[in-house]
Amino acid sequence: MYKIVEGLVSELEKTGVKINYDTEIVDVISGSNRVKYFVDKNGRKWEADIFAVNADAAVFRGYVLKRKNFSPEKLDRMNWTMGPLTIYIGLKNKLRNVQHHNYFLGDNFKEYADKVFKNPGIL
């Protein structure tokens, strides 16, 4: 599974994408309806054409974007479950007898989904 991540990172780096690790973002500086900078816990401003956030979306909205609907108090009162994982893979060759935009699920998807969404604590 981690080979997928390594492959994605390798391809991104080939195109000049710079990935910064171990950087805790604590604030955002915006202007003209767009993010200008992320600010890390050391006060450093990070500027980019595109920002990709590898964090829990609700926590990021509350902690960094300071949205009241995502405050720690509200998030603590919510019941959380594990989300499904989807991986999109592009191929350079055609697969015979496969139509465009297929979605493949394992034979046990219903059983798995029932466990995840009805009883998240058991997984």
PDB file of N, CA and C in Angstrom:
ATOM      1  N   MET A   1       0.821  -1.186   0.000  1.00  0.00           N
ATOM      2  CA  MET A   1       0.000   0.000   0.000  1.00  0.00           C
ATOM      3  C   MET A   1       0.872   1.260   0.000  1.00  0.00           C
ATOM      4  N   TYR A   2       1.950   1.243   0.785  1.00  0.00           N
ATOM      5  CA  TYR A   2       2.789   2.438   0.875  1.00  0.00           C
ATOM      6  C   TYR A   2       3.552   2.710  -0.419  1.00  0.00           C
ATOM      7  N   LYS A   3       3.715   1.697  -1.258  1.00  0.00           N
ATOM      8  CA  LYS A   3       4.362   1.896  -2.564  1.00  0.00           C
ATOM      9  C   LYS A   3       3.562   2.889  -3.411  1.00  0.00           C
ATOM     10  N   ILE A   4       2.237   2.921  -3.221  1.00  0.00           N
ATOM     11  CA  ILE A   4       1.410   3.888  -3.943  1.00  0.00           C
ATOM     12  C   ILE A   4       1.811   5.301  -3.528  1.00  0.00           C
ATOM     13  N   VAL A   5       1.950   5.529  -2.234  1.00  0.00           N
ATOM     14  CA  VAL A   5       2.359   6.838  -1.726  1.00  0.00           C
ATOM     15  C   VAL A   5       3.739   7.210  -2.265  1.00  0.00           C
ATOM     16  N   GLU A   6       4.673   6.273  -2.207  1.00  0.00           N
ATOM     17  CA  GLU A   6       6.025   6.546  -2.712  1.00  0.00           C
ATOM     18  C   GLU A   6       5.992   6.900  -4.195  1.00  0.00           C
ATOM     19  N   GLY A   7       5.177   6.206  -4.959  1.00  0.00           N
ATOM     20  CA  GLY A   7       5.067   6.495  -6.394  1.00  0.00           C
ATOM     21  C   GLY A   7       4.481   7.876  -6.659  1.00  0.00           C
ATOM     22  N   LEU A   8       3.446   8.236  -5.898  1.00  0.00           N
ATOM     23  CA  LEU A   8       2.857   9.565  -6.051  1.00  0.00           C
ATOM     24  C   LEU A   8       3.857  10.657  -5.700  1.00  0.00           C
ATOM     25  N   VAL A   9       4.581  10.485  -4.611  1.00  0.00           N
ATOM     26  CA  VAL A   9       5.585  11.471  -4.204  1.00  0.00           C
ATOM     27  C   VAL A   9       6.663  11.593  -5.274  1.00  0.00           C
ATOM     28  N   SER A  10       7.114  10.478  -5.801  1.00  0.00           N
ATOM     29  CA  SER A  10       8.148  10.481  -6.840  1.00  0.00           C
ATOM     30  C   SER A  10       7.675  11.252  -8.075  1.00  0.00           C
ATOM     31  N   GLU A  11       6.455  10.990  -8.512  1.00  0.00           N
ATOM     32  CA  GLU A  11       5.928  11.682  -9.692  1.00  0.00           C
ATOM     33  C   GLU A  11       5.757  13.174  -9.433  1.00  0.00           C
ATOM     34  N   LEU A  12       5.289  13.539  -8.251  1.00  0.00           N
ATOM     35  CA  LEU A  12       5.133  14.957  -7.913  1.00  0.00           C
ATOM     36  C   LEU A  12       6.490  15.663  -7.899  1.00  0.00           C
ATOM     37  N   GLU A  13       7.481  15.035  -7.305  1.00  0.00           N
ATOM     38  CA  GLU A  13       8.811  15.644  -7.245  1.00  0.00           C
ATOM     39  C   GLU A  13       9.418  15.819  -8.625  1.00  0.00           C
ATOM     40  N   LYS A  14       9.131  14.904  -9.554  1.00  0.00           N
ATOM     41  CA  LYS A  14       9.632  15.030 -10.925  1.00  0.00           C
ATOM     42  C   LYS A  14       9.101  16.292 -11.603  1.00  0.00           C
ATOM     43  N   THR A  15       7.928  16.739 -11.195  1.00  0.00           N
ATOM     44  CA  THR A  15       7.325  17.927 -11.805  1.00  0.00           C
ATOM     45  C   THR A  15       7.634  19.196 -11.023  1.00  0.00           C
ATOM     46  N   GLY A  16       8.493  19.081 -10.008  1.00  0.00           N
ATOM     47  CA  GLY A  16       8.909  20.265  -9.265  1.00  0.00           C
ATOM     48  C   GLY A  16       8.107  20.566  -8.013  1.00  0.00           C
ATOM     49  N   VAL A  17       7.186  19.687  -7.642  1.00  0.00           N
ATOM     50  CA  VAL A  17       6.409  19.895  -6.421  1.00  0.00           C
ATOM     51  C   VAL A  17       7.317  19.678  -5.219  1.00  0.00           C
ATOM     52  N   LYS A  18       7.276  20.616  -4.270  1.00  0.00           N
ATOM     53  CA  LYS A  18       8.060  20.491  -3.045  1.00  0.00           C
ATOM     54  C   LYS A  18       7.118  20.132  -1.910  1.00  0.00           C
ATOM     55  N   ILE A  19       7.430  19.073  -1.200  1.00  0.00           N
ATOM     56  CA  ILE A  19       6.608  18.614  -0.080  1.00  0.00           C
ATOM     57  C   ILE A  19       7.348  18.913   1.210  1.00  0.00           C
ATOM     58  N   ASN A  20       6.678  19.584   2.141  1.00  0.00           N
ATOM     59  CA  ASN A  20       7.262  19.900   3.440  1.00  0.00           C
ATOM     60  C   ASN A  20       6.622  19.018   4.498  1.00  0.00           C
ATOM     61  N   TYR A  21       7.451  18.354   5.273  1.00  0.00           N
ATOM     62  CA  TYR A  21       6.989  17.438   6.307  1.00  0.00           C
ATOM     63  C   TYR A  21       7.200  18.056   7.686  1.00  0.00           C
ATOM     64  N   ASP A  22       6.549  17.467   8.683  1.00  0.00           N
ATOM     65  CA  ASP A  22       6.728  17.866  10.079  1.00  0.00           C
ATOM     66  C   ASP A  22       6.572  19.371  10.272  1.00  0.00           C
ATOM     67  N   THR A  23       5.541  19.927   9.677  1.00  0.00           N
ATOM     68  CA  THR A  23       5.279  21.356   9.765  1.00  0.00           C
ATOM     69  C   THR A  23       3.852  21.551  10.258  1.00  0.00           C
ATOM     70  N   GLU A  24       3.709  22.076  11.460  1.00  0.00           N
ATOM     71  CA  GLU A  24       2.379  22.290  12.029  1.00  0.00           C
ATOM     72  C   GLU A  24       1.876  23.674  11.647  1.00  0.00           C
ATOM     73  N   ILE A  25       0.812  23.698  10.859  1.00  0.00           N
ATOM     74  CA  ILE A  25       0.200  24.960  10.434  1.00  0.00           C
ATOM     75  C   ILE A  25      -0.816  25.376  11.494  1.00  0.00           C
ATOM     76  N   VAL A  26      -0.728  26.652  11.914  1.00  0.00           N
ATOM     77  CA  VAL A  26      -1.616  27.141  12.969  1.00  0.00           C
ATOM     78  C   VAL A  26      -2.474  28.319  12.537  1.00  0.00           C
ATOM     79  N   ASP A  27      -2.204  28.889  11.364  1.00  0.00           N
ATOM     80  CA  ASP A  27      -2.974  30.046  10.921  1.00  0.00           C
ATOM     81  C   ASP A  27      -2.910  30.171   9.404  1.00  0.00           C
ATOM     82  N   VAL A  28      -3.846  30.941   8.865  1.00  0.00           N
ATOM     83  CA  VAL A  28      -3.926  31.198   7.440  1.00  0.00           C
ATOM     84  C   VAL A  28      -4.056  32.706   7.246  1.00  0.00           C
ATOM     85  N   ILE A  29      -3.336  33.233   6.288  1.00  0.00           N
ATOM     86  CA  ILE A  29      -3.476  34.644   5.913  1.00  0.00           C
ATOM     87  C   ILE A  29      -4.087  34.665   4.519  1.00  0.00           C
ATOM     88  N   SER A  30      -5.256  35.308   4.418  1.00  0.00           N
ATOM     89  CA  SER A  30      -5.995  35.332   3.156  1.00  0.00           C
ATOM     90  C   SER A  30      -6.133  36.752   2.643  1.00  0.00           C
ATOM     91  N   GLY A  31      -6.436  36.847   1.367  1.00  0.00           N
ATOM     92  CA  GLY A  31      -6.719  38.128   0.736  1.00  0.00           C
ATOM     93  C   GLY A  31      -7.249  37.901  -0.653  1.00  0.00           C
ATOM     94  N   SER A  32      -8.163  38.739  -1.104  1.00  0.00           N
ATOM     95  CA  SER A  32      -8.766  38.620  -2.441  1.00  0.00           C
ATOM     96  C   SER A  32      -9.354  37.234  -2.674  1.00  0.00           C
ATOM     97  N   ASN A  33     -10.046  36.720  -1.673  1.00  0.00           N
ATOM     98  CA  ASN A  33     -10.719  35.419  -1.773  1.00  0.00           C
ATOM     99  C   ASN A  33      -9.789  34.241  -2.035  1.00  0.00           C
ATOM    100  N   ARG A  34      -8.559  34.315  -1.572  1.00  0.00           N
ATOM    101  CA  ARG A  34      -7.636  33.178  -1.727  1.00  0.00           C
ATOM    102  C   ARG A  34      -6.656  33.154  -0.569  1.00  0.00           C
ATOM    103  N   VAL A  35      -6.125  31.986  -0.317  1.00  0.00           N
ATOM    104  CA  VAL A  35      -5.109  31.847   0.720  1.00  0.00           C
ATOM    105  C   VAL A  35      -3.802  32.414   0.195  1.00  0.00           C
ATOM    106  N   LYS A  36      -3.202  33.333   0.949  1.00  0.00           N
ATOM    107  CA  LYS A  36      -1.905  33.883   0.566  1.00  0.00           C
ATOM    108  C   LYS A  36      -0.773  33.104   1.231  1.00  0.00           C
ATOM    109  N   TYR A  37      -0.949  32.833   2.528  1.00  0.00           N
ATOM    110  CA  TYR A  37       0.095  32.154   3.294  1.00  0.00           C
ATOM    111  C   TYR A  37      -0.525  31.199   4.302  1.00  0.00           C
ATOM    112  N   PHE A  38       0.188  30.143   4.585  1.00  0.00           N
ATOM    113  CA  PHE A  38      -0.027  29.355   5.792  1.00  0.00           C
ATOM    114  C   PHE A  38       1.048  29.821   6.763  1.00  0.00           C
ATOM    115  N   VAL A  39       0.733  29.826   8.032  1.00  0.00           N
ATOM    116  CA  VAL A  39       1.694  30.214   9.062  1.00  0.00           C
ATOM    117  C   VAL A  39       1.917  29.013   9.967  1.00  0.00           C
ATOM    118  N   ASP A  40       3.188  28.636  10.169  1.00  0.00           N
ATOM    119  CA  ASP A  40       3.462  27.483  11.023  1.00  0.00           C
ATOM    120  C   ASP A  40       3.623  27.901  12.482  1.00  0.00           C
ATOM    121  N   LYS A  41       3.800  26.919  13.362  1.00  0.00           N
ATOM    122  CA  LYS A  41       3.851  27.196  14.798  1.00  0.00           C
ATOM    123  C   LYS A  41       5.069  28.023  15.197  1.00  0.00           C
ATOM    124  N   ASN A  42       6.060  28.137  14.311  1.00  0.00           N
ATOM    125  CA  ASN A  42       7.241  28.953  14.580  1.00  0.00           C
ATOM    126  C   ASN A  42       7.118  30.357  13.993  1.00  0.00           C
ATOM    127  N   GLY A  43       5.956  30.666  13.396  1.00  0.00           N
ATOM    128  CA  GLY A  43       5.725  31.982  12.826  1.00  0.00           C
ATOM    129  C   GLY A  43       6.176  32.134  11.384  1.00  0.00           C
ATOM    130  N   ARG A  44       6.698  31.077  10.798  1.00  0.00           N
ATOM    131  CA  ARG A  44       7.141  31.142   9.406  1.00  0.00           C
ATOM    132  C   ARG A  44       5.942  31.145   8.470  1.00  0.00           C
ATOM    133  N   LYS A  45       5.969  32.014   7.467  1.00  0.00           N
ATOM    134  CA  LYS A  45       4.914  32.083   6.454  1.00  0.00           C
ATOM    135  C   LYS A  45       5.294  31.197   5.276  1.00  0.00           C
ATOM    136  N   TRP A  46       4.336  30.402   4.834  1.00  0.00           N
ATOM    137  CA  TRP A  46       4.526  29.514   3.697  1.00  0.00           C
ATOM    138  C   TRP A  46       3.635  29.997   2.554  1.00  0.00           C
ATOM    139  N   GLU A  47       4.251  30.272   1.408  1.00  0.00           N
ATOM    140  CA  GLU A  47       3.524  30.722   0.233  1.00  0.00           C
ATOM    141  C   GLU A  47       3.590  29.638  -0.836  1.00  0.00           C
ATOM    142  N   ALA A  48       2.486  29.447  -1.556  1.00  0.00           N
ATOM    143  CA  ALA A  48       2.466  28.442  -2.620  1.00  0.00           C
ATOM    144  C   ALA A  48       1.364  28.767  -3.609  1.00  0.00           C
ATOM    145  N   ASP A  49       1.471  28.191  -4.790  1.00  0.00           N
ATOM    146  CA  ASP A  49       0.405  28.326  -5.780  1.00  0.00           C
ATOM    147  C   ASP A  49      -0.806  27.491  -5.348  1.00  0.00           C
ATOM    148  N   ILE A  50      -0.527  26.315  -4.798  1.00  0.00           N
ATOM    149  CA  ILE A  50      -1.568  25.400  -4.342  1.00  0.00           C
ATOM    150  C   ILE A  50      -1.135  24.824  -3.002  1.00  0.00           C
ATOM    151  N   PHE A  51      -2.059  24.778  -2.051  1.00  0.00           N
ATOM    152  CA  PHE A  51      -1.796  24.148  -0.765  1.00  0.00           C
ATOM    153  C   PHE A  51      -2.583  22.849  -0.685  1.00  0.00           C
ATOM    154  N   ALA A  52      -1.944  21.783  -0.237  1.00  0.00           N
ATOM    155  CA  ALA A  52      -2.619  20.512   0.020  1.00  0.00           C
ATOM    156  C   ALA A  52      -2.449  20.218   1.510  1.00  0.00           C
ATOM    157  N   VAL A  53      -3.539  19.992   2.186  1.00  0.00           N
ATOM    158  CA  VAL A  53      -3.514  19.795   3.630  1.00  0.00           C
ATOM    159  C   VAL A  53      -3.724  18.315   3.936  1.00  0.00           C
ATOM    160  N   ASN A  54      -2.793  17.726   4.651  1.00  0.00           N
ATOM    161  CA  ASN A  54      -2.899  16.338   5.068  1.00  0.00           C
ATOM    162  C   ASN A  54      -3.275  16.329   6.550  1.00  0.00           C
ATOM    163  N   ALA A  55      -4.491  16.732   6.823  1.00  0.00           N
ATOM    164  CA  ALA A  55      -4.985  16.804   8.194  1.00  0.00           C
ATOM    165  C   ALA A  55      -6.465  16.474   8.190  1.00  0.00           C
ATOM    166  N   ASP A  56      -6.988  16.153   9.340  1.00  0.00           N
ATOM    167  CA  ASP A  56      -8.412  15.938   9.478  1.00  0.00           C
ATOM    168  C   ASP A  56      -9.125  17.235   9.095  1.00  0.00           C
ATOM    169  N   ALA A  57     -10.063  17.166   8.160  1.00  0.00           N
ATOM    170  CA  ALA A  57     -10.713  18.366   7.628  1.00  0.00           C
ATOM    171  C   ALA A  57     -11.450  19.154   8.703  1.00  0.00           C
ATOM    172  N   ALA A  58     -12.193  18.490   9.569  1.00  0.00           N
ATOM    173  CA  ALA A  58     -12.954  19.203  10.598  1.00  0.00           C
ATOM    174  C   ALA A  58     -12.023  19.888  11.593  1.00  0.00           C
ATOM    175  N   VAL A  59     -10.988  19.210  12.000  1.00  0.00           N
ATOM    176  CA  VAL A  59     -10.031  19.804  12.951  1.00  0.00           C
ATOM    177  C   VAL A  59      -9.330  20.992  12.299  1.00  0.00           C
ATOM    178  N   PHE A  60      -8.926  20.867  11.045  1.00  0.00           N
ATOM    179  CA  PHE A  60      -8.272  21.967  10.336  1.00  0.00           C
ATOM    180  C   PHE A  60      -9.186  23.190  10.251  1.00  0.00           C
ATOM    181  N   ARG A  61     -10.449  22.951   9.935  1.00  0.00           N
ATOM    182  CA  ARG A  61     -11.393  24.065   9.837  1.00  0.00           C
ATOM    183  C   ARG A  61     -11.560  24.784  11.176  1.00  0.00           C
ATOM    184  N   GLY A  62     -11.550  24.028  12.263  1.00  0.00           N
ATOM    185  CA  GLY A  62     -11.705  24.649  13.573  1.00  0.00           C
ATOM    186  C   GLY A  62     -10.429  25.271  14.093  1.00  0.00           C
ATOM    187  N   TYR A  63      -9.345  24.513  14.069  1.00  0.00           N
ATOM    188  CA  TYR A  63      -8.083  24.946  14.675  1.00  0.00           C
ATOM    189  C   TYR A  63      -7.372  26.013  13.855  1.00  0.00           C
ATOM    190  N   VAL A  64      -7.285  25.819  12.551  1.00  0.00           N
ATOM    191  CA  VAL A  64      -6.528  26.742  11.707  1.00  0.00           C
ATOM    192  C   VAL A  64      -7.426  27.839  11.120  1.00  0.00           C
ATOM    193  N   LEU A  65      -8.558  27.451  10.549  1.00  0.00           N
ATOM    194  CA  LEU A  65      -9.447  28.440   9.938  1.00  0.00           C
ATOM    195  C   LEU A  65     -10.343  29.126  10.967  1.00  0.00           C
ATOM    196  N   LYS A  66     -10.353  28.592  12.176  1.00  0.00           N
ATOM    197  CA  LYS A  66     -11.082  29.174  13.318  1.00  0.00           C
ATOM    198  C   LYS A  66     -12.583  29.330  13.050  1.00  0.00           C
ATOM    199  N   ARG A  67     -13.151  28.331  12.408  1.00  0.00           N
ATOM    200  CA  ARG A  67     -14.595  28.333  12.159  1.00  0.00           C
ATOM    201  C   ARG A  67     -15.311  27.810  13.397  1.00  0.00           C
ATOM    202  N   LYS A  68     -16.274  28.556  13.887  1.00  0.00           N
ATOM    203  CA  LYS A  68     -16.961  28.218  15.139  1.00  0.00           C
ATOM    204  C   LYS A  68     -17.715  26.893  15.055  1.00  0.00           C
ATOM    205  N   ASN A  69     -18.230  26.553  13.877  1.00  0.00           N
ATOM    206  CA  ASN A  69     -18.937  25.275  13.735  1.00  0.00           C
ATOM    207  C   ASN A  69     -18.021  24.068  13.899  1.00  0.00           C
ATOM    208  N   PHE A  70     -16.722  24.294  13.921  1.00  0.00           N
ATOM    209  CA  PHE A  70     -15.752  23.211  14.055  1.00  0.00           C
ATOM    210  C   PHE A  70     -14.881  23.402  15.300  1.00  0.00           C
ATOM    211  N   SER A  71     -15.431  24.041  16.320  1.00  0.00           N
ATOM    212  CA  SER A  71     -14.676  24.271  17.548  1.00  0.00           C
ATOM    213  C   SER A  71     -14.396  22.934  18.233  1.00  0.00           C
ATOM    214  N   PRO A  72     -13.322  22.848  19.020  1.00  0.00           N
ATOM    215  CA  PRO A  72     -13.027  21.598  19.724  1.00  0.00           C
ATOM    216  C   PRO A  72     -14.200  21.109  20.575  1.00  0.00           C
ATOM    217  N   GLU A  73     -14.923  22.025  21.180  1.00  0.00           N
ATOM    218  CA  GLU A  73     -16.060  21.630  22.019  1.00  0.00           C
ATOM    219  C   GLU A  73     -17.152  20.950  21.191  1.00  0.00           C
ATOM    220  N   LYS A  74     -17.454  21.521  20.025  1.00  0.00           N
ATOM    221  CA  LYS A  74     -18.475  20.917  19.157  1.00  0.00           C
ATOM    222  C   LYS A  74     -17.996  19.573  18.610  1.00  0.00           C
ATOM    223  N   LEU A  75     -16.736  19.512  18.205  1.00  0.00           N
ATOM    224  CA  LEU A  75     -16.214  18.265  17.648  1.00  0.00           C
ATOM    225  C   LEU A  75     -16.182  17.164  18.697  1.00  0.00           C
ATOM    226  N   ASP A  76     -15.911  17.507  19.954  1.00  0.00           N
ATOM    227  CA  ASP A  76     -15.872  16.509  21.032  1.00  0.00           C
ATOM    228  C   ASP A  76     -17.249  15.901  21.298  1.00  0.00           C
ATOM    229  N   ARG A  77     -18.313  16.628  21.012  1.00  0.00           N
ATOM    230  CA  ARG A  77     -19.669  16.132  21.255  1.00  0.00           C
ATOM    231  C   ARG A  77     -20.179  15.242  20.120  1.00  0.00           C
ATOM    232  N   MET A  78     -19.476  15.196  19.015  1.00  0.00           N
ATOM    233  CA  MET A  78     -19.938  14.431  17.857  1.00  0.00           C
ATOM    234  C   MET A  78     -19.524  12.965  17.955  1.00  0.00           C
ATOM    235  N   ASN A  79     -20.329  12.102  17.329  1.00  0.00           N
ATOM    236  CA  ASN A  79     -19.978  10.686  17.204  1.00  0.00           C
ATOM    237  C   ASN A  79     -19.277  10.508  15.873  1.00  0.00           C
ATOM    238  N   TRP A  80     -18.078   9.963  15.904  1.00  0.00           N
ATOM    239  CA  TRP A  80     -17.273   9.833  14.694  1.00  0.00           C
ATOM    240  C   TRP A  80     -17.199   8.387  14.261  1.00  0.00           C
ATOM    241  N   THR A  81     -17.037   8.200  12.981  1.00  0.00           N
ATOM    242  CA  THR A  81     -16.845   6.871  12.418  1.00  0.00           C
ATOM    243  C   THR A  81     -15.707   6.926  11.414  1.00  0.00           C
ATOM    244  N   MET A  82     -15.201   5.780  11.088  1.00  0.00           N
ATOM    245  CA  MET A  82     -14.138   5.697  10.099  1.00  0.00           C
ATOM    246  C   MET A  82     -14.728   5.950   8.713  1.00  0.00           C
ATOM    247  N   GLY A  83     -14.034   6.698   7.890  1.00  0.00           N
ATOM    248  CA  GLY A  83     -14.499   6.959   6.536  1.00  0.00           C
ATOM    249  C   GLY A  83     -13.971   5.912   5.574  1.00  0.00           C
ATOM    250  N   PRO A  84     -14.665   5.710   4.455  1.00  0.00           N
ATOM    251  CA  PRO A  84     -14.163   4.770   3.463  1.00  0.00           C
ATOM    252  C   PRO A  84     -12.956   5.346   2.735  1.00  0.00           C
ATOM    253  N   LEU A  85     -12.117   4.488   2.249  1.00  0.00           N
ATOM    254  CA  LEU A  85     -10.925   4.897   1.511  1.00  0.00           C
ATOM    255  C   LEU A  85     -11.123   4.599   0.035  1.00  0.00           C
ATOM    256  N   THR A  86     -10.926   5.589  -0.796  1.00  0.00           N
ATOM    257  CA  THR A  86     -11.026   5.411  -2.238  1.00  0.00           C
ATOM    258  C   THR A  86      -9.693   5.778  -2.860  1.00  0.00           C
ATOM    259  N   ILE A  87      -9.222   4.952  -3.749  1.00  0.00           N
ATOM    260  CA  ILE A  87      -7.968   5.218  -4.452  1.00  0.00           C
ATOM    261  C   ILE A  87      -8.286   5.302  -5.948  1.00  0.00           C
ATOM    262  N   TYR A  88      -7.884   6.396  -6.551  1.00  0.00           N
ATOM    263  CA  TYR A  88      -8.063   6.568  -7.985  1.00  0.00           C
ATOM    264  C   TYR A  88      -6.730   6.254  -8.652  1.00  0.00           C
ATOM    265  N   ILE A  89      -6.751   5.356  -9.595  1.00  0.00           N
ATOM    266  CA  ILE A  89      -5.525   4.947 -10.276  1.00  0.00           C
ATOM    267  C   ILE A  89      -5.712   5.172 -11.772  1.00  0.00           C
ATOM    268  N   GLY A  90      -4.759   5.869 -12.377  1.00  0.00           N
ATOM    269  CA  GLY A  90      -4.788   6.092 -13.810  1.00  0.00           C
ATOM    270  C   GLY A  90      -3.870   5.119 -14.518  1.00  0.00           C
ATOM    271  N   LEU A  91      -4.307   4.616 -15.631  1.00  0.00           N
ATOM    272  CA  LEU A  91      -3.506   3.682 -16.421  1.00  0.00           C
ATOM    273  C   LEU A  91      -3.231   4.277 -17.792  1.00  0.00           C
ATOM    274  N   LYS A  92      -2.053   3.981 -18.330  1.00  0.00           N
ATOM    275  CA  LYS A  92      -1.705   4.484 -19.659  1.00  0.00           C
ATOM    276  C   LYS A  92      -2.185   3.555 -20.767  1.00  0.00           C
ATOM    277  N   ASN A  93      -2.655   2.392 -20.432  1.00  0.00           N
ATOM    278  CA  ASN A  93      -3.108   1.455 -21.459  1.00  0.00           C
ATOM    279  C   ASN A  93      -4.595   1.172 -21.285  1.00  0.00           C
ATOM    280  N   LYS A  94      -5.203   0.640 -22.336  1.00  0.00           N
ATOM    281  CA  LYS A  94      -6.619   0.305 -22.299  1.00  0.00           C
ATOM    282  C   LYS A  94      -6.801  -1.079 -21.697  1.00  0.00           C
ATOM    283  N   LEU A  95      -7.869  -1.214 -20.943  1.00  0.00           N
ATOM    284  CA  LEU A  95      -8.256  -2.520 -20.430  1.00  0.00           C
ATOM    285  C   LEU A  95      -9.420  -3.018 -21.274  1.00  0.00           C
ATOM    286  N   ARG A  96      -9.273  -4.208 -21.820  1.00  0.00           N
ATOM    287  CA  ARG A  96     -10.324  -4.758 -22.668  1.00  0.00           C
ATOM    288  C   ARG A  96     -11.595  -4.995 -21.859  1.00  0.00           C
ATOM    289  N   ASN A  97     -12.727  -4.717 -22.462  1.00  0.00           N
ATOM    290  CA  ASN A  97     -14.043  -4.964 -21.870  1.00  0.00           C
ATOM    291  C   ASN A  97     -14.294  -4.190 -20.579  1.00  0.00           C
ATOM    292  N   VAL A  98     -13.605  -3.081 -20.401  1.00  0.00           N
ATOM    293  CA  VAL A  98     -13.838  -2.240 -19.224  1.00  0.00           C
ATOM    294  C   VAL A  98     -14.280  -0.872 -19.708  1.00  0.00           C
ATOM    295  N   GLN A  99     -15.444  -0.454 -19.283  1.00  0.00           N
ATOM    296  CA  GLN A  99     -15.983   0.836 -19.686  1.00  0.00           C
ATOM    297  C   GLN A  99     -15.348   1.959 -18.860  1.00  0.00           C
ATOM    298  N   HIS A 100     -15.499   3.180 -19.336  1.00  0.00           N
ATOM    299  CA  HIS A 100     -14.959   4.374 -18.694  1.00  0.00           C
ATOM    300  C   HIS A 100     -15.601   4.593 -17.323  1.00  0.00           C
ATOM    301  N   HIS A 101     -14.828   5.054 -16.362  1.00  0.00           N
ATOM    302  CA  HIS A 101     -15.281   5.399 -15.005  1.00  0.00           C
ATOM    303  C   HIS A 101     -15.885   4.228 -14.251  1.00  0.00           C
ATOM    304  N   ASN A 102     -15.187   3.150 -14.192  1.00  0.00           N
ATOM    305  CA  ASN A 102     -15.626   2.008 -13.405  1.00  0.00           C
ATOM    306  C   ASN A 102     -15.219   2.173 -11.961  1.00  0.00           C
ATOM    307  N   TYR A 103     -15.950   1.530 -11.102  1.00  0.00           N
ATOM    308  CA  TYR A 103     -15.641   1.540  -9.675  1.00  0.00           C
ATOM    309  C   TYR A 103     -15.719   0.097  -9.218  1.00  0.00           C
ATOM    310  N   PHE A 104     -14.615  -0.446  -8.729  1.00  0.00           N
ATOM    311  CA  PHE A 104     -14.563  -1.846  -8.351  1.00  0.00           C
ATOM    312  C   PHE A 104     -14.601  -1.987  -6.839  1.00  0.00           C
ATOM    313  N   LEU A 105     -15.455  -2.859  -6.370  1.00  0.00           N
ATOM    314  CA  LEU A 105     -15.576  -3.132  -4.950  1.00  0.00           C
ATOM    315  C   LEU A 105     -15.353  -4.620  -4.729  1.00  0.00           C
ATOM    316  N   GLY A 106     -14.801  -4.957  -3.583  1.00  0.00           N
ATOM    317  CA  GLY A 106     -14.583  -6.363  -3.264  1.00  0.00           C
ATOM    318  C   GLY A 106     -15.897  -7.107  -3.082  1.00  0.00           C
ATOM    319  N   ASP A 107     -15.824  -8.428  -3.089  1.00  0.00           N
ATOM    320  CA  ASP A 107     -17.016  -9.257  -2.924  1.00  0.00           C
ATOM    321  C   ASP A 107     -17.683  -9.047  -1.569  1.00  0.00           C
ATOM    322  N   ASN A 108     -16.908  -8.636  -0.581  1.00  0.00           N
ATOM    323  CA  ASN A 108     -17.447  -8.476   0.774  1.00  0.00           C
ATOM    324  C   ASN A 108     -17.710  -7.009   1.116  1.00  0.00           C
ATOM    325  N   PHE A 109     -17.939  -6.164   0.126  1.00  0.00           N
ATOM    326  CA  PHE A 109     -18.085  -4.732   0.410  1.00  0.00           C
ATOM    327  C   PHE A 109     -19.260  -4.437   1.328  1.00  0.00           C
ATOM    328  N   LYS A 110     -20.420  -5.054   1.094  1.00  0.00           N
ATOM    329  CA  LYS A 110     -21.590  -4.776   1.941  1.00  0.00           C
ATOM    330  C   LYS A 110     -21.297  -5.143   3.387  1.00  0.00           C
ATOM    331  N   GLU A 111     -20.715  -6.296   3.604  1.00  0.00           N
ATOM    332  CA  GLU A 111     -20.361  -6.717   4.965  1.00  0.00           C
ATOM    333  C   GLU A 111     -19.379  -5.730   5.594  1.00  0.00           C
ATOM    334  N   TYR A 112     -18.364  -5.346   4.846  1.00  0.00           N
ATOM    335  CA  TYR A 112     -17.363  -4.397   5.341  1.00  0.00           C
ATOM    336  C   TYR A 112     -18.001  -3.037   5.646  1.00  0.00           C
ATOM    337  N   ALA A 113     -18.816  -2.509   4.710  1.00  0.00           N
ATOM    338  CA  ALA A 113     -19.450  -1.211   4.906  1.00  0.00           C
ATOM    339  C   ALA A 113     -20.374  -1.233   6.115  1.00  0.00           C
ATOM    340  N   ASP A 114     -21.120  -2.326   6.302  1.00  0.00           N
ATOM    341  CA  ASP A 114     -21.991  -2.427   7.479  1.00  0.00           C
ATOM    342  C   ASP A 114     -21.178  -2.322   8.763  1.00  0.00           C
ATOM    343  N   LYS A 115     -20.043  -2.984   8.792  1.00  0.00           N
ATOM    344  CA  LYS A 115     -19.196  -2.922   9.990  1.00  0.00           C
ATOM    345  C   LYS A 115     -18.674  -1.513  10.218  1.00  0.00           C
ATOM    346  N   VAL A 116     -18.193  -0.893   9.170  1.00  0.00           N
ATOM    347  CA  VAL A 116     -17.596   0.433   9.300  1.00  0.00           C
ATOM    348  C   VAL A 116     -18.613   1.476   9.723  1.00  0.00           C
ATOM    349  N   PHE A 117     -19.771   1.474   9.067  1.00  0.00           N
ATOM    350  CA  PHE A 117     -20.735   2.542   9.294  1.00  0.00           C
ATOM    351  C   PHE A 117     -21.714   2.279  10.439  1.00  0.00           C
ATOM    352  N   LYS A 118     -21.944   1.024  10.781  1.00  0.00           N
ATOM    353  CA  LYS A 118     -22.885   0.725  11.866  1.00  0.00           C
ATOM    354  C   LYS A 118     -22.187   0.476  13.196  1.00  0.00           C
ATOM    355  N   ASN A 119     -20.997  -0.067  13.158  1.00  0.00           N
ATOM    356  CA  ASN A 119     -20.265  -0.397  14.381  1.00  0.00           C
ATOM    357  C   ASN A 119     -18.797   0.001  14.230  1.00  0.00           C
ATOM    358  N   PRO A 120     -18.495   1.300  14.164  1.00  0.00           N
ATOM    359  CA  PRO A 120     -17.135   1.728  13.862  1.00  0.00           C
ATOM    360  C   PRO A 120     -16.116   1.305  14.904  1.00  0.00           C
ATOM    361  N   GLY A 121     -16.530   1.041  16.105  1.00  0.00           N
ATOM    362  CA  GLY A 121     -15.588   0.678  17.157  1.00  0.00           C
ATOM    363  C   GLY A 121     -15.011  -0.723  17.046  1.00  0.00           C
ATOM    364  N   ILE A 122     -15.590  -1.575  16.182  1.00  0.00           N
ATOM    365  CA  ILE A 122     -15.116  -2.961  16.112  1.00  0.00           C
ATOM    366  C   ILE A 122     -13.940  -3.151  15.170  1.00  0.00           C
ATOM    367  N   LEU A 123     -13.664  -2.168  14.330  1.00  0.00           N
ATOM    368  CA  LEU A 123     -12.550  -2.319  13.357  1.00  0.00           C
ATOM    369  C   LEU A 123     -11.278  -1.757  13.900  1.00  0.00           C
TER     370      LEU A 123
END
